[in-house]
Amino acid sequence: MATADRAEQLKLQGNQCFQKGKFLAAIDMYTEAIVMAPGRSTYYSNRALCHSKLDKWENCREDCEHALKFDALNAKASYMLGTSHMHLLAFDAAVEALQTALNSAEKTKKPKAFREDIIAELRRVKKRQWLHTQKQRVARHEKVKNQLQKLFGASHTAEVLATQATVTSDNTIRSGAEEADALMAYVEHMAACYERDMYPGEIPDYFMCPISMEIMHDPVTTPNGVSYVKFAMIFFYYTNFVFFRYERRCLEEHLRHNGAIDPLTRKRLTLDMLRPNTSLKAAIQDYLEKNSWAFEY
């Protein structure tokens, strides 16, 4: 048997092991395939996938980099490279890799579902980056606040300030202790303002699904004048009208169990009658770009 054929056979055996959840055995098969045909990009990306299942992110990253050396358009390798960077807290590198994966997927005409997975992972990375940065900001803020509280609350500081006097803007005399209290109150006020700016607000109700309690991603409308969304039912009021939105998956289940009937108007409704609500989808995507914390909120 030719070396290339033997390597391909080993890859197929690795695939079978992977499907059975035998990731270590699959790694062995892919490794043998790589030894016989070291220039095959897919062998590296397949082994990288096994490493990801075992949470071996450094190994995953290394295999993805090898895979991309032999095929720069290997979207699967770029996708897993981004994921491995995310787990290794290299967020900027993760964003870059996932954007490359999306471009490669479009160039090689990968299925829409895979492209959507890449977009979801890209948003997940940006959210994790925001959470990581936020955690550092909170820790730094609490440290500084505690240090200032100790400084202004120290008895020796009050004693030193008590020997001084300050003339205020209205020409009244204020003791050093009073000055310390005023400074501490100002510091606490500034800390409270900073904390309010530090934490995100609430996601607008018209972006949220009350069934799944998740932000919507793929809104659609029906010929009946009713709006639906890909994930679940949501309603909001606009002037004198009430619009209901449903998740596509939820709506499909409804149609399977109850027939081709709109759950709100009770009129005939089939999936081929749905039309994308592009304006709402664009608004949600823009919101997620500006508020990465809101993804999978």
C-alpha atoms as a PDB file:
ATOM      1  CA  MET A   1       0.000   0.000   0.000  1.00  0.00           C
ATOM      2  CA  ALA A   2       1.303   3.456  -0.908  1.00  0.00           C
ATOM      3  CA  THR A   3       2.358   5.720   1.961  1.00  0.00           C
ATOM      4  CA  ALA A   4      -0.326   8.317   1.162  1.00  0.00           C
ATOM      5  CA  ASP A   5      -3.029   5.639   1.082  1.00  0.00           C
ATOM      6  CA  ARG A   6      -1.851   4.190   4.381  1.00  0.00           C
ATOM      7  CA  ALA A   7      -1.884   7.679   5.934  1.00  0.00           C
ATOM      8  CA  GLU A   8      -5.430   8.226   4.701  1.00  0.00           C
ATOM      9  CA  GLN A   9      -6.484   4.904   6.162  1.00  0.00           C
ATOM     10  CA  LEU A  10      -4.996   5.895   9.511  1.00  0.00           C
ATOM     11  CA  LYS A  11      -6.916   9.158   9.349  1.00  0.00           C
ATOM     12  CA  LEU A  12     -10.176   7.239   8.793  1.00  0.00           C
ATOM     13  CA  GLN A  13      -9.359   5.017  11.762  1.00  0.00           C
ATOM     14  CA  GLY A  14      -8.714   8.161  13.785  1.00  0.00           C
ATOM     15  CA  ASN A  15     -12.116   9.490  12.730  1.00  0.00           C
ATOM     16  CA  GLN A  16     -13.774   6.299  13.943  1.00  0.00           C
ATOM     17  CA  CYS A  17     -12.016   6.541  17.292  1.00  0.00           C
ATOM     18  CA  PHE A  18     -13.054  10.181  17.590  1.00  0.00           C
ATOM     19  CA  GLN A  19     -16.712   9.350  16.927  1.00  0.00           C
ATOM     20  CA  LYS A  20     -16.557   6.773  19.730  1.00  0.00           C
ATOM     21  CA  GLY A  21     -15.095   9.361  22.105  1.00  0.00           C
ATOM     22  CA  LYS A  22     -11.707   7.628  22.177  1.00  0.00           C
ATOM     23  CA  PHE A  23      -9.733  10.825  21.773  1.00  0.00           C
ATOM     24  CA  LEU A  24      -6.336   9.511  22.887  1.00  0.00           C
ATOM     25  CA  ALA A  25      -6.591   6.625  20.431  1.00  0.00           C
ATOM     26  CA  ALA A  26      -7.623   9.061  17.711  1.00  0.00           C
ATOM     27  CA  ILE A  27      -4.592  11.219  18.494  1.00  0.00           C
ATOM     28  CA  ASP A  28      -2.363   8.167  18.033  1.00  0.00           C
ATOM     29  CA  MET A  29      -3.940   7.411  14.645  1.00  0.00           C
ATOM     30  CA  TYR A  30      -3.600  11.006  13.417  1.00  0.00           C
ATOM     31  CA  THR A  31      -0.008  11.131  14.681  1.00  0.00           C
ATOM     32  CA  GLU A  32       0.885   8.037  12.674  1.00  0.00           C
ATOM     33  CA  ALA A  33      -0.816   9.577   9.641  1.00  0.00           C
ATOM     34  CA  ILE A  34       1.241  12.748  10.087  1.00  0.00           C
ATOM     35  CA  VAL A  35       4.469  10.747  10.253  1.00  0.00           C
ATOM     36  CA  MET A  36       3.616   9.146   6.899  1.00  0.00           C
ATOM     37  CA  ALA A  37       2.261  12.296   5.247  1.00  0.00           C
ATOM     38  CA  PRO A  38       3.453  15.367   7.188  1.00  0.00           C
ATOM     39  CA  GLY A  39       2.139  17.824   4.622  1.00  0.00           C
ATOM     40  CA  ARG A  40      -1.572  17.075   5.097  1.00  0.00           C
ATOM     41  CA  SER A  41      -3.247  19.994   6.864  1.00  0.00           C
ATOM     42  CA  THR A  42      -6.365  18.064   7.848  1.00  0.00           C
ATOM     43  CA  TYR A  43      -4.383  15.537   9.874  1.00  0.00           C
ATOM     44  CA  TYR A  44      -3.155  18.321  12.143  1.00  0.00           C
ATOM     45  CA  SER A  45      -6.548  19.975  12.465  1.00  0.00           C
ATOM     46  CA  ASN A  46      -8.178  16.625  13.259  1.00  0.00           C
ATOM     47  CA  ARG A  47      -5.614  15.999  15.989  1.00  0.00           C
ATOM     48  CA  ALA A  48      -6.141  19.550  17.241  1.00  0.00           C
ATOM     49  CA  LEU A  49      -9.846  18.799  17.640  1.00  0.00           C
ATOM     50  CA  CYS A  50      -8.975  15.799  19.824  1.00  0.00           C
ATOM     51  CA  HIS A  51      -6.725  17.983  21.975  1.00  0.00           C
ATOM     52  CA  SER A  52      -9.584  20.472  22.377  1.00  0.00           C
ATOM     53  CA  LYS A  53     -11.866  17.700  23.651  1.00  0.00           C
ATOM     54  CA  LEU A  54      -9.230  16.926  26.286  1.00  0.00           C
ATOM     55  CA  ASP A  55      -8.764  20.635  27.160  1.00  0.00           C
ATOM     56  CA  LYS A  56      -5.138  20.490  26.013  1.00  0.00           C
ATOM     57  CA  TRP A  57      -5.213  23.977  24.558  1.00  0.00           C
ATOM     58  CA  GLU A  58      -1.496  24.497  24.027  1.00  0.00           C
ATOM     59  CA  ASN A  59      -1.314  21.268  22.012  1.00  0.00           C
ATOM     60  CA  CYS A  60      -4.426  22.312  20.131  1.00  0.00           C
ATOM     61  CA  ARG A  61      -2.910  25.677  19.277  1.00  0.00           C
ATOM     62  CA  GLU A  62       0.325  24.096  18.097  1.00  0.00           C
ATOM     63  CA  ASP A  63      -1.464  21.639  15.787  1.00  0.00           C
ATOM     64  CA  CYS A  64      -3.658  24.398  14.370  1.00  0.00           C
ATOM     65  CA  GLU A  65      -0.595  26.481  13.544  1.00  0.00           C
ATOM     66  CA  HIS A  66       0.962  23.485  11.767  1.00  0.00           C
ATOM     67  CA  ALA A  67      -2.272  22.878   9.841  1.00  0.00           C
ATOM     68  CA  LEU A  68      -2.364  26.491   8.645  1.00  0.00           C
ATOM     69  CA  LYS A  69       1.226  26.303   7.410  1.00  0.00           C
ATOM     70  CA  PHE A  70       0.128  23.674   4.903  1.00  0.00           C
ATOM     71  CA  ASP A  71      -3.295  25.167   4.129  1.00  0.00           C
ATOM     72  CA  ALA A  72      -3.902  28.812   5.029  1.00  0.00           C
ATOM     73  CA  LEU A  73      -7.599  28.437   4.105  1.00  0.00           C
ATOM     74  CA  ASN A  74      -8.228  25.619   6.578  1.00  0.00           C
ATOM     75  CA  ALA A  75     -11.159  27.339   8.291  1.00  0.00           C
ATOM     76  CA  LYS A  76     -11.514  24.561  10.841  1.00  0.00           C
ATOM     77  CA  ALA A  77      -7.900  25.071  11.948  1.00  0.00           C
ATOM     78  CA  SER A  78      -8.325  28.845  12.218  1.00  0.00           C
ATOM     79  CA  TYR A  79     -11.542  28.353  14.186  1.00  0.00           C
ATOM     80  CA  MET A  80      -9.895  26.017  16.713  1.00  0.00           C
ATOM     81  CA  LEU A  81      -6.828  28.261  16.844  1.00  0.00           C
ATOM     82  CA  GLY A  82      -9.097  31.094  17.938  1.00  0.00           C
ATOM     83  CA  THR A  83     -10.751  28.885  20.542  1.00  0.00           C
ATOM     84  CA  SER A  84      -7.402  27.712  21.922  1.00  0.00           C
ATOM     85  CA  HIS A  85      -6.150  31.312  22.145  1.00  0.00           C
ATOM     86  CA  MET A  86      -9.306  32.212  24.057  1.00  0.00           C
ATOM     87  CA  HIS A  87      -8.730  29.481  26.630  1.00  0.00           C
ATOM     88  CA  LEU A  88      -5.105  30.589  26.938  1.00  0.00           C
ATOM     89  CA  LEU A  89      -6.339  34.177  27.555  1.00  0.00           C
ATOM     90  CA  ALA A  90      -4.729  35.508  24.360  1.00  0.00           C
ATOM     91  CA  PHE A  91      -7.901  37.331  23.383  1.00  0.00           C
ATOM     92  CA  ASP A  92      -6.557  39.616  20.647  1.00  0.00           C
ATOM     93  CA  ALA A  93      -4.947  36.633  18.910  1.00  0.00           C
ATOM     94  CA  ALA A  94      -8.226  34.718  19.295  1.00  0.00           C
ATOM     95  CA  VAL A  95     -10.220  37.493  17.607  1.00  0.00           C
ATOM     96  CA  GLU A  96      -7.722  37.650  14.747  1.00  0.00           C
ATOM     97  CA  ALA A  97      -7.798  33.857  14.231  1.00  0.00           C
ATOM     98  CA  LEU A  98     -11.601  33.713  14.238  1.00  0.00           C
ATOM     99  CA  GLN A  99     -11.879  36.574  11.771  1.00  0.00           C
ATOM    100  CA  THR A 100      -9.462  34.638   9.552  1.00  0.00           C
ATOM    101  CA  ALA A 101     -11.630  31.538  10.011  1.00  0.00           C
ATOM    102  CA  LEU A 102     -14.718  33.464   8.923  1.00  0.00           C
ATOM    103  CA  ASN A 103     -12.970  34.808   5.821  1.00  0.00           C
ATOM    104  CA  SER A 104     -11.663  31.324   4.959  1.00  0.00           C
ATOM    105  CA  ALA A 105     -15.114  29.794   5.460  1.00  0.00           C
ATOM    106  CA  GLU A 106     -16.625  32.332   3.065  1.00  0.00           C
ATOM    107  CA  LYS A 107     -13.899  31.823   0.457  1.00  0.00           C
ATOM    108  CA  THR A 108     -14.193  28.037   0.583  1.00  0.00           C
ATOM    109  CA  LYS A 109     -18.029  28.207   0.701  1.00  0.00           C
ATOM    110  CA  LYS A 110     -18.427  26.372   3.988  1.00  0.00           C
ATOM    111  CA  PRO A 111     -21.995  25.724   5.209  1.00  0.00           C
ATOM    112  CA  LYS A 112     -23.879  28.650   6.725  1.00  0.00           C
ATOM    113  CA  ALA A 113     -24.177  26.797  10.034  1.00  0.00           C
ATOM    114  CA  PHE A 114     -20.377  26.643  10.349  1.00  0.00           C
ATOM    115  CA  ARG A 115     -20.050  30.351   9.586  1.00  0.00           C
ATOM    116  CA  GLU A 116     -22.643  31.081  12.261  1.00  0.00           C
ATOM    117  CA  ASP A 117     -20.656  28.966  14.716  1.00  0.00           C
ATOM    118  CA  ILE A 118     -17.577  31.065  13.984  1.00  0.00           C
ATOM    119  CA  ILE A 119     -19.511  34.299  14.537  1.00  0.00           C
ATOM    120  CA  ALA A 120     -20.876  32.947  17.826  1.00  0.00           C
ATOM    121  CA  GLU A 121     -17.374  31.960  18.954  1.00  0.00           C
ATOM    122  CA  LEU A 122     -16.060  35.391  17.987  1.00  0.00           C
ATOM    123  CA  ARG A 123     -18.700  37.029  20.168  1.00  0.00           C
ATOM    124  CA  ARG A 124     -17.920  34.564  22.947  1.00  0.00           C
ATOM    125  CA  VAL A 125     -14.242  35.544  22.809  1.00  0.00           C
ATOM    126  CA  LYS A 126     -15.077  39.243  22.969  1.00  0.00           C
ATOM    127  CA  LYS A 127     -17.347  38.617  25.950  1.00  0.00           C
ATOM    128  CA  ARG A 128     -14.653  36.640  27.774  1.00  0.00           C
ATOM    129  CA  GLN A 129     -12.172  39.395  27.027  1.00  0.00           C
ATOM    130  CA  TRP A 130     -14.590  41.944  28.477  1.00  0.00           C
ATOM    131  CA  LEU A 131     -15.142  39.773  31.574  1.00  0.00           C
ATOM    132  CA  HIS A 132     -11.394  39.292  32.034  1.00  0.00           C
ATOM    133  CA  THR A 133     -10.709  43.009  31.713  1.00  0.00           C
ATOM    134  CA  GLN A 134     -13.647  43.804  33.971  1.00  0.00           C
ATOM    135  CA  LYS A 135     -12.339  41.463  36.653  1.00  0.00           C
ATOM    136  CA  GLN A 136      -8.983  43.239  36.588  1.00  0.00           C
ATOM    137  CA  ARG A 137     -10.667  46.654  36.723  1.00  0.00           C
ATOM    138  CA  VAL A 138     -12.808  45.645  39.689  1.00  0.00           C
ATOM    139  CA  ALA A 139      -9.817  44.233  41.584  1.00  0.00           C
ATOM    140  CA  ARG A 140      -7.763  47.369  40.904  1.00  0.00           C
ATOM    141  CA  HIS A 141     -10.662  49.625  41.898  1.00  0.00           C
ATOM    142  CA  GLU A 142     -11.301  47.748  45.167  1.00  0.00           C
ATOM    143  CA  LYS A 143      -7.608  47.844  46.031  1.00  0.00           C
ATOM    144  CA  VAL A 144      -7.360  51.603  45.502  1.00  0.00           C
ATOM    145  CA  LYS A 145     -10.620  52.234  47.361  1.00  0.00           C
ATOM    146  CA  ASN A 146      -9.474  50.184  50.353  1.00  0.00           C
ATOM    147  CA  GLN A 147      -6.135  51.966  50.409  1.00  0.00           C
ATOM    148  CA  LEU A 148      -7.840  55.350  50.401  1.00  0.00           C
ATOM    149  CA  GLN A 149     -10.252  54.291  53.135  1.00  0.00           C
ATOM    150  CA  LYS A 150      -7.328  53.183  55.274  1.00  0.00           C
ATOM    151  CA  LEU A 151      -5.509  56.420  54.575  1.00  0.00           C
ATOM    152  CA  PHE A 152      -8.396  58.684  55.497  1.00  0.00           C
ATOM    153  CA  GLY A 153      -9.577  56.462  58.311  1.00  0.00           C
ATOM    154  CA  ALA A 154      -6.225  56.132  60.043  1.00  0.00           C
ATOM    155  CA  SER A 155      -6.219  57.690  63.457  1.00  0.00           C
ATOM    156  CA  HIS A 156      -2.810  59.299  63.034  1.00  0.00           C
ATOM    157  CA  THR A 157      -4.019  61.031  59.848  1.00  0.00           C
ATOM    158  CA  ALA A 158      -6.972  62.483  61.710  1.00  0.00           C
ATOM    159  CA  GLU A 159      -4.673  63.658  64.481  1.00  0.00           C
ATOM    160  CA  VAL A 160      -2.370  65.381  62.014  1.00  0.00           C
ATOM    161  CA  LEU A 161      -5.233  67.025  60.205  1.00  0.00           C
ATOM    162  CA  ALA A 162      -6.855  68.036  63.478  1.00  0.00           C
ATOM    163  CA  THR A 163      -3.948  70.392  64.133  1.00  0.00           C
ATOM    164  CA  GLN A 164      -4.740  72.236  60.898  1.00  0.00           C
ATOM    165  CA  ALA A 165      -7.596  74.462  59.845  1.00  0.00           C
ATOM    166  CA  THR A 166      -9.025  75.162  56.428  1.00  0.00           C
ATOM    167  CA  VAL A 167     -10.839  78.214  55.151  1.00  0.00           C
ATOM    168  CA  THR A 168     -13.706  77.148  52.865  1.00  0.00           C
ATOM    169  CA  SER A 169     -15.137  79.094  49.916  1.00  0.00           C
ATOM    170  CA  ASP A 170     -17.666  80.800  52.188  1.00  0.00           C
ATOM    171  CA  ASN A 171     -14.844  81.886  54.566  1.00  0.00           C
ATOM    172  CA  THR A 172     -15.871  79.540  57.375  1.00  0.00           C
ATOM    173  CA  ILE A 173     -13.257  77.704  59.408  1.00  0.00           C
ATOM    174  CA  ARG A 174     -13.278  73.919  59.112  1.00  0.00           C
ATOM    175  CA  SER A 175     -11.149  71.657  61.310  1.00  0.00           C
ATOM    176  CA  GLY A 176      -8.685  69.153  59.931  1.00  0.00           C
ATOM    177  CA  ALA A 177     -10.941  66.278  60.997  1.00  0.00           C
ATOM    178  CA  GLU A 178     -13.872  67.814  59.138  1.00  0.00           C
ATOM    179  CA  GLU A 179     -11.658  68.262  56.095  1.00  0.00           C
ATOM    180  CA  ALA A 180     -10.709  64.585  56.262  1.00  0.00           C
ATOM    181  CA  ASP A 181     -14.379  63.592  56.470  1.00  0.00           C
ATOM    182  CA  ALA A 182     -15.200  65.786  53.472  1.00  0.00           C
ATOM    183  CA  LEU A 183     -12.363  64.294  51.436  1.00  0.00           C
ATOM    184  CA  MET A 184     -13.439  60.765  52.342  1.00  0.00           C
ATOM    185  CA  ALA A 185     -17.041  61.528  51.357  1.00  0.00           C
ATOM    186  CA  TYR A 186     -15.825  62.872  48.034  1.00  0.00           C
ATOM    187  CA  VAL A 187     -13.687  59.770  47.446  1.00  0.00           C
ATOM    188  CA  GLU A 188     -16.666  57.514  48.220  1.00  0.00           C
ATOM    189  CA  HIS A 189     -18.843  59.531  45.855  1.00  0.00           C
ATOM    190  CA  MET A 190     -16.308  59.228  43.036  1.00  0.00           C
ATOM    191  CA  ALA A 191     -15.934  55.498  43.730  1.00  0.00           C
ATOM    192  CA  ALA A 192     -19.706  55.044  43.504  1.00  0.00           C
ATOM    193  CA  CYS A 193     -19.807  56.927  40.177  1.00  0.00           C
ATOM    194  CA  TYR A 194     -16.961  54.804  38.837  1.00  0.00           C
ATOM    195  CA  GLU A 195     -18.708  51.612  39.936  1.00  0.00           C
ATOM    196  CA  ARG A 196     -21.908  52.637  38.139  1.00  0.00           C
ATOM    197  CA  ASP A 197     -19.950  53.196  34.933  1.00  0.00           C
ATOM    198  CA  MET A 198     -18.053  49.953  35.426  1.00  0.00           C
ATOM    199  CA  TYR A 199     -21.045  47.638  35.278  1.00  0.00           C
ATOM    200  CA  PRO A 200     -23.263  47.224  32.209  1.00  0.00           C
ATOM    201  CA  GLY A 201     -26.913  48.143  32.146  1.00  0.00           C
ATOM    202  CA  GLU A 202     -29.815  45.954  31.137  1.00  0.00           C
ATOM    203  CA  ILE A 203     -30.351  44.620  27.643  1.00  0.00           C
ATOM    204  CA  PRO A 204     -33.352  46.357  26.014  1.00  0.00           C
ATOM    205  CA  ASP A 205     -36.518  44.296  26.441  1.00  0.00           C
ATOM    206  CA  TYR A 206     -37.223  44.304  22.714  1.00  0.00           C
ATOM    207  CA  PHE A 207     -33.904  42.483  22.148  1.00  0.00           C
ATOM    208  CA  MET A 208     -34.605  39.822  24.763  1.00  0.00           C
ATOM    209  CA  CYS A 209     -36.579  36.611  24.593  1.00  0.00           C
ATOM    210  CA  PRO A 210     -38.811  36.068  27.649  1.00  0.00           C
ATOM    211  CA  ILE A 211     -38.852  32.282  27.146  1.00  0.00           C
ATOM    212  CA  SER A 212     -35.130  31.580  26.801  1.00  0.00           C
ATOM    213  CA  MET A 213     -34.138  34.854  28.547  1.00  0.00           C
ATOM    214  CA  GLU A 214     -31.480  35.288  25.839  1.00  0.00           C
ATOM    215  CA  ILE A 215     -30.829  38.031  23.348  1.00  0.00           C
ATOM    216  CA  MET A 216     -32.346  37.408  19.915  1.00  0.00           C
ATOM    217  CA  HIS A 217     -30.200  36.749  16.850  1.00  0.00           C
ATOM    218  CA  ASP A 218     -32.305  35.971  13.782  1.00  0.00           C
ATOM    219  CA  PRO A 219     -35.676  37.779  13.722  1.00  0.00           C
ATOM    220  CA  VAL A 220     -38.267  36.906  11.068  1.00  0.00           C
ATOM    221  CA  THR A 221     -41.707  38.266  10.149  1.00  0.00           C
ATOM    222  CA  THR A 222     -44.833  36.603   8.770  1.00  0.00           C
ATOM    223  CA  PRO A 223     -47.376  37.659   6.131  1.00  0.00           C
ATOM    224  CA  ASN A 224     -49.886  37.961   8.961  1.00  0.00           C
ATOM    225  CA  GLY A 225     -48.176  41.097  10.190  1.00  0.00           C
ATOM    226  CA  VAL A 226     -46.701  39.275  13.173  1.00  0.00           C
ATOM    227  CA  SER A 227     -42.994  39.337  13.894  1.00  0.00           C
ATOM    228  CA  TYR A 228     -41.084  36.269  15.038  1.00  0.00           C
ATOM    229  CA  VAL A 229     -37.542  35.693  16.115  1.00  0.00           C
ATOM    230  CA  LYS A 230     -35.281  32.707  15.811  1.00  0.00           C
ATOM    231  CA  PHE A 231     -35.146  31.754  19.448  1.00  0.00           C
ATOM    232  CA  ALA A 232     -38.387  32.373  21.283  1.00  0.00           C
ATOM    233  CA  MET A 233     -41.524  34.344  21.831  1.00  0.00           C
ATOM    234  CA  ILE A 234     -41.206  37.979  22.805  1.00  0.00           C
ATOM    235  CA  PHE A 235     -43.583  40.893  22.655  1.00  0.00           C
ATOM    236  CA  PHE A 236     -43.271  44.645  22.808  1.00  0.00           C
ATOM    237  CA  TYR A 237     -45.560  47.623  22.380  1.00  0.00           C
ATOM    238  CA  TYR A 238     -45.184  50.259  19.685  1.00  0.00           C
ATOM    239  CA  THR A 239     -47.848  52.993  19.455  1.00  0.00           C
ATOM    240  CA  ASN A 240     -51.192  51.120  19.379  1.00  0.00           C
ATOM    241  CA  PHE A 241     -49.903  47.820  18.063  1.00  0.00           C
ATOM    242  CA  VAL A 242     -48.644  44.722  19.824  1.00  0.00           C
ATOM    243  CA  PHE A 243     -46.046  42.590  18.045  1.00  0.00           C
ATOM    244  CA  PHE A 244     -45.053  39.088  19.101  1.00  0.00           C
ATOM    245  CA  ARG A 245     -41.730  37.479  18.254  1.00  0.00           C
ATOM    246  CA  TYR A 246     -40.910  33.796  18.378  1.00  0.00           C
ATOM    247  CA  GLU A 247     -37.761  31.779  18.149  1.00  0.00           C
ATOM    248  CA  ARG A 248     -37.571  29.797  14.929  1.00  0.00           C
ATOM    249  CA  ARG A 249     -36.845  26.558  16.749  1.00  0.00           C
ATOM    250  CA  CYS A 250     -39.774  27.151  19.093  1.00  0.00           C
ATOM    251  CA  LEU A 251     -42.013  28.022  16.162  1.00  0.00           C
ATOM    252  CA  GLU A 252     -40.967  24.909  14.239  1.00  0.00           C
ATOM    253  CA  GLU A 253     -41.884  22.770  17.227  1.00  0.00           C
ATOM    254  CA  HIS A 254     -45.242  24.517  17.473  1.00  0.00           C
ATOM    255  CA  LEU A 255     -45.962  23.889  13.799  1.00  0.00           C
ATOM    256  CA  ARG A 256     -44.963  20.232  14.120  1.00  0.00           C
ATOM    257  CA  HIS A 257     -47.274  19.650  17.065  1.00  0.00           C
ATOM    258  CA  ASN A 258     -50.175  21.942  16.178  1.00  0.00           C
ATOM    259  CA  GLY A 259     -50.116  22.146  12.405  1.00  0.00           C
ATOM    260  CA  ALA A 260     -49.603  25.138  10.099  1.00  0.00           C
ATOM    261  CA  ILE A 261     -51.214  27.674  12.431  1.00  0.00           C
ATOM    262  CA  ASP A 262     -49.833  30.986  13.617  1.00  0.00           C
ATOM    263  CA  PRO A 263     -49.719  30.681  17.448  1.00  0.00           C
ATOM    264  CA  LEU A 264     -50.978  34.243  17.862  1.00  0.00           C
ATOM    265  CA  THR A 265     -53.382  35.025  15.013  1.00  0.00           C
ATOM    266  CA  ARG A 266     -54.426  31.388  14.444  1.00  0.00           C
ATOM    267  CA  LYS A 267     -54.103  31.992  10.709  1.00  0.00           C
ATOM    268  CA  ARG A 268     -52.335  29.601   8.352  1.00  0.00           C
ATOM    269  CA  LEU A 269     -48.556  29.758   8.707  1.00  0.00           C
ATOM    270  CA  THR A 270     -45.760  27.639   7.248  1.00  0.00           C
ATOM    271  CA  LEU A 271     -42.005  28.034   7.573  1.00  0.00           C
ATOM    272  CA  ASP A 272     -41.596  29.062   3.940  1.00  0.00           C
ATOM    273  CA  MET A 273     -43.795  32.094   4.684  1.00  0.00           C
ATOM    274  CA  LEU A 274     -41.272  33.560   7.135  1.00  0.00           C
ATOM    275  CA  ARG A 275     -39.198  36.548   6.052  1.00  0.00           C
ATOM    276  CA  PRO A 276     -36.042  37.878   7.774  1.00  0.00           C
ATOM    277  CA  ASN A 277     -36.488  40.971   9.924  1.00  0.00           C
ATOM    278  CA  THR A 278     -33.256  42.526   8.700  1.00  0.00           C
ATOM    279  CA  SER A 279     -33.645  45.876  10.442  1.00  0.00           C
ATOM    280  CA  LEU A 280     -34.061  44.309  13.874  1.00  0.00           C
ATOM    281  CA  LYS A 281     -31.268  41.830  13.190  1.00  0.00           C
ATOM    282  CA  ALA A 282     -28.934  44.680  12.196  1.00  0.00           C
ATOM    283  CA  ALA A 283     -29.865  46.593  15.354  1.00  0.00           C
ATOM    284  CA  ILE A 284     -29.121  43.556  17.533  1.00  0.00           C
ATOM    285  CA  GLN A 285     -25.810  42.862  15.799  1.00  0.00           C
ATOM    286  CA  ASP A 286     -24.785  46.490  16.222  1.00  0.00           C
ATOM    287  CA  TYR A 287     -25.751  46.316  19.889  1.00  0.00           C
ATOM    288  CA  LEU A 288     -23.669  43.159  20.405  1.00  0.00           C
ATOM    289  CA  GLU A 289     -20.657  44.746  18.696  1.00  0.00           C
ATOM    290  CA  LYS A 290     -20.835  47.664  21.135  1.00  0.00           C
ATOM    291  CA  ASN A 291     -21.799  45.546  24.163  1.00  0.00           C
ATOM    292  CA  SER A 292     -19.844  42.292  24.025  1.00  0.00           C
ATOM    293  CA  TRP A 293     -20.978  41.403  27.571  1.00  0.00           C
ATOM    294  CA  ALA A 294     -24.560  40.948  26.301  1.00  0.00           C
ATOM    295  CA  PHE A 295     -23.808  37.793  24.288  1.00  0.00           C
ATOM    296  CA  GLU A 296     -25.201  34.683  26.025  1.00  0.00           C
ATOM    297  CA  TYR A 297     -26.294  36.999  28.853  1.00  0.00           C
END
